[in-house]
Amino acid sequence: MAEALNGTFKAELVTLHGPWRTRRQLEIAILEWIDWYNHRRLHGEIGDIPPDEHETLWYRQQDPALRAGNP
């Protein structure tokens, strides 16, 4: 699984958007990619919604108070 993520990382960030002039630029690009990957990308295995949204929906299904709309 880690190899698959590493391949995705290389293909989507390094190959498409590199090279960077400084280490700082690279660090910022990596953090931005991780944020996008975890929070905004559409994931086909979970209904083409972002993973963050899927997690929120899952927790709402687990807690009856959240299902009623009470945070």
N, C-alpha and C. Protein backbone atom coordinates (compact mmCIF):
# COMPACT_ATOMS: atom_id res chain seq x y z
N MET A 1 0.83 -1.18 0.00
CA MET A 1 0.00 0.00 0.00
C MET A 1 0.88 1.26 0.00
N ALA A 2 1.95 1.22 0.77
CA ALA A 2 2.85 2.37 0.80
C ALA A 2 3.49 2.61 -0.56
N GLU A 3 3.80 1.53 -1.28
CA GLU A 3 4.39 1.69 -2.62
C GLU A 3 3.41 2.35 -3.57
N ALA A 4 2.13 2.00 -3.45
CA ALA A 4 1.11 2.60 -4.31
C ALA A 4 0.99 4.10 -4.02
N LEU A 5 1.00 4.47 -2.75
CA LEU A 5 0.92 5.88 -2.38
C LEU A 5 2.15 6.63 -2.86
N ASN A 6 3.31 6.01 -2.71
CA ASN A 6 4.54 6.64 -3.17
C ASN A 6 4.51 6.86 -4.69
N GLY A 7 4.00 5.90 -5.44
CA GLY A 7 3.87 6.05 -6.89
C GLY A 7 2.92 7.17 -7.25
N THR A 8 1.81 7.26 -6.54
CA THR A 8 0.84 8.34 -6.77
C THR A 8 1.48 9.69 -6.47
N PHE A 9 2.18 9.75 -5.35
CA PHE A 9 2.86 10.98 -4.96
C PHE A 9 3.85 11.43 -6.03
N LYS A 10 4.65 10.51 -6.52
CA LYS A 10 5.64 10.85 -7.55
C LYS A 10 4.97 11.28 -8.85
N ALA A 11 3.93 10.56 -9.25
CA ALA A 11 3.28 10.88 -10.52
C ALA A 11 2.54 12.20 -10.47
N GLU A 12 1.82 12.45 -9.36
CA GLU A 12 0.96 13.64 -9.30
C GLU A 12 1.68 14.90 -8.83
N LEU A 13 2.68 14.75 -8.00
CA LEU A 13 3.34 15.96 -7.51
C LEU A 13 4.71 16.15 -8.16
N VAL A 14 5.57 15.22 -8.00
CA VAL A 14 6.95 15.40 -8.44
C VAL A 14 7.05 15.52 -9.95
N THR A 15 6.44 14.61 -10.69
CA THR A 15 6.54 14.62 -12.15
C THR A 15 5.81 15.80 -12.77
N LEU A 16 4.60 16.10 -12.27
CA LEU A 16 3.79 17.16 -12.88
C LEU A 16 4.20 18.57 -12.46
N HIS A 17 4.68 18.72 -11.24
CA HIS A 17 4.89 20.08 -10.73
C HIS A 17 6.33 20.44 -10.40
N GLY A 18 7.23 19.49 -10.41
CA GLY A 18 8.63 19.76 -10.08
C GLY A 18 9.38 20.29 -11.29
N PRO A 19 10.61 20.62 -11.18
CA PRO A 19 11.42 20.65 -9.96
C PRO A 19 11.25 21.97 -9.22
N TRP A 20 11.70 21.99 -7.96
CA TRP A 20 11.64 23.18 -7.13
C TRP A 20 13.04 23.74 -6.96
N ARG A 21 13.13 25.03 -6.75
CA ARG A 21 14.44 25.68 -6.62
C ARG A 21 15.02 25.55 -5.22
N THR A 22 14.16 25.48 -4.21
CA THR A 22 14.67 25.41 -2.84
C THR A 22 13.98 24.27 -2.08
N ARG A 23 14.62 23.88 -1.01
CA ARG A 23 14.04 22.84 -0.15
C ARG A 23 12.72 23.33 0.44
N ARG A 24 12.66 24.59 0.80
CA ARG A 24 11.44 25.18 1.37
C ARG A 24 10.27 25.08 0.38
N GLN A 25 10.51 25.37 -0.88
CA GLN A 25 9.46 25.26 -1.90
C GLN A 25 8.96 23.82 -1.99
N LEU A 26 9.87 22.88 -1.95
CA LEU A 26 9.49 21.46 -2.00
C LEU A 26 8.69 21.07 -0.78
N GLU A 27 9.10 21.50 0.40
CA GLU A 27 8.37 21.17 1.62
C GLU A 27 6.94 21.70 1.58
N ILE A 28 6.77 22.93 1.10
CA ILE A 28 5.43 23.51 1.00
C ILE A 28 4.60 22.74 -0.02
N ALA A 29 5.18 22.38 -1.14
CA ALA A 29 4.45 21.61 -2.15
C ALA A 29 4.01 20.26 -1.60
N ILE A 30 4.86 19.61 -0.83
CA ILE A 30 4.50 18.32 -0.24
C ILE A 30 3.34 18.48 0.74
N LEU A 31 3.40 19.49 1.60
CA LEU A 31 2.32 19.71 2.57
C LEU A 31 1.00 20.03 1.86
N GLU A 32 1.06 20.82 0.82
CA GLU A 32 -0.16 21.14 0.06
C GLU A 32 -0.74 19.89 -0.60
N TRP A 33 0.12 19.01 -1.13
CA TRP A 33 -0.34 17.78 -1.78
C TRP A 33 -0.97 16.85 -0.75
N ILE A 34 -0.35 16.73 0.41
CA ILE A 34 -0.91 15.86 1.46
C ILE A 34 -2.27 16.38 1.91
N ASP A 35 -2.40 17.69 2.05
CA ASP A 35 -3.69 18.28 2.43
C ASP A 35 -4.75 17.98 1.37
N TRP A 36 -4.40 18.17 0.10
CA TRP A 36 -5.34 17.87 -0.98
C TRP A 36 -5.72 16.38 -0.97
N TYR A 37 -4.73 15.51 -0.83
CA TYR A 37 -4.95 14.07 -0.88
C TYR A 37 -5.87 13.62 0.25
N ASN A 38 -5.72 14.18 1.43
CA ASN A 38 -6.50 13.74 2.58
C ASN A 38 -7.85 14.43 2.71
N HIS A 39 -8.01 15.61 2.13
CA HIS A 39 -9.22 16.39 2.42
C HIS A 39 -10.07 16.75 1.21
N ARG A 40 -9.50 16.85 0.00
CA ARG A 40 -10.29 17.37 -1.12
C ARG A 40 -10.40 16.47 -2.34
N ARG A 41 -9.51 15.51 -2.49
CA ARG A 41 -9.56 14.69 -3.70
C ARG A 41 -10.84 13.83 -3.70
N LEU A 42 -11.38 13.56 -4.87
CA LEU A 42 -12.55 12.70 -4.99
C LEU A 42 -12.08 11.26 -5.05
N HIS A 43 -12.65 10.43 -4.20
CA HIS A 43 -12.20 9.04 -4.08
C HIS A 43 -13.29 8.12 -4.62
N GLY A 44 -12.98 7.38 -5.69
CA GLY A 44 -13.96 6.53 -6.37
C GLY A 44 -14.51 5.40 -5.52
N GLU A 45 -13.72 4.87 -4.61
CA GLU A 45 -14.17 3.74 -3.79
C GLU A 45 -15.19 4.14 -2.72
N ILE A 46 -15.33 5.42 -2.46
CA ILE A 46 -16.27 5.87 -1.43
C ILE A 46 -17.32 6.82 -2.00
N GLY A 47 -17.66 6.63 -3.25
CA GLY A 47 -18.75 7.39 -3.86
C GLY A 47 -18.35 8.72 -4.46
N ASP A 48 -17.11 8.86 -4.88
CA ASP A 48 -16.61 10.10 -5.49
C ASP A 48 -16.82 11.32 -4.60
N ILE A 49 -16.54 11.13 -3.32
CA ILE A 49 -16.54 12.24 -2.38
C ILE A 49 -15.16 12.29 -1.72
N PRO A 50 -14.79 13.45 -1.17
CA PRO A 50 -13.49 13.54 -0.50
C PRO A 50 -13.44 12.67 0.75
N PRO A 51 -12.28 12.13 1.09
CA PRO A 51 -12.15 11.30 2.29
C PRO A 51 -12.61 12.01 3.56
N ASP A 52 -12.33 13.28 3.69
CA ASP A 52 -12.74 14.04 4.87
C ASP A 52 -14.26 14.04 5.02
N GLU A 53 -14.97 14.23 3.92
CA GLU A 53 -16.44 14.23 3.93
C GLU A 53 -16.96 12.83 4.27
N HIS A 54 -16.34 11.81 3.73
CA HIS A 54 -16.75 10.43 4.02
C HIS A 54 -16.60 10.13 5.50
N GLU A 55 -15.51 10.58 6.10
CA GLU A 55 -15.29 10.35 7.53
C GLU A 55 -16.36 11.05 8.36
N THR A 56 -16.70 12.28 8.01
CA THR A 56 -17.74 13.01 8.73
C THR A 56 -19.07 12.28 8.64
N LEU A 57 -19.43 11.81 7.45
CA LEU A 57 -20.67 11.07 7.29
C LEU A 57 -20.67 9.78 8.10
N TRP A 58 -19.54 9.10 8.13
CA TRP A 58 -19.44 7.85 8.88
C TRP A 58 -19.68 8.10 10.37
N TYR A 59 -19.05 9.14 10.92
CA TYR A 59 -19.23 9.43 12.34
C TYR A 59 -20.67 9.84 12.64
N ARG A 60 -21.30 10.55 11.74
CA ARG A 60 -22.71 10.91 11.94
C ARG A 60 -23.59 9.67 12.01
N GLN A 61 -23.28 8.66 11.22
CA GLN A 61 -24.06 7.42 11.24
C GLN A 61 -23.83 6.64 12.54
N GLN A 62 -22.70 6.84 13.19
CA GLN A 62 -22.38 6.10 14.41
C GLN A 62 -22.99 6.73 15.66
N ASP A 63 -23.21 8.03 15.65
CA ASP A 63 -23.67 8.76 16.83
C ASP A 63 -25.07 9.32 16.59
N PRO A 64 -26.09 8.79 17.30
CA PRO A 64 -27.47 9.25 17.09
C PRO A 64 -27.64 10.75 17.31
N ALA A 65 -26.90 11.36 18.23
CA ALA A 65 -27.03 12.81 18.46
C ALA A 65 -26.57 13.59 17.24
N LEU A 66 -25.53 13.11 16.56
CA LEU A 66 -25.07 13.79 15.36
C LEU A 66 -26.04 13.61 14.20
N ARG A 67 -26.70 12.45 14.15
CA ARG A 67 -27.69 12.21 13.08
C ARG A 67 -28.83 13.20 13.17
N ALA A 68 -29.18 13.59 14.38
CA ALA A 68 -30.30 14.53 14.58
C ALA A 68 -29.88 15.97 14.28
N GLY A 69 -28.60 16.17 13.97
CA GLY A 69 -28.13 17.51 13.65
C GLY A 69 -27.61 18.27 14.84
N ASN A 70 -27.44 17.60 15.97
CA ASN A 70 -26.88 18.25 17.16
C ASN A 70 -25.38 17.97 17.22
N PRO A 71 -24.57 19.03 17.09
CA PRO A 71 -23.11 18.81 17.09
C PRO A 71 -22.57 18.40 18.45
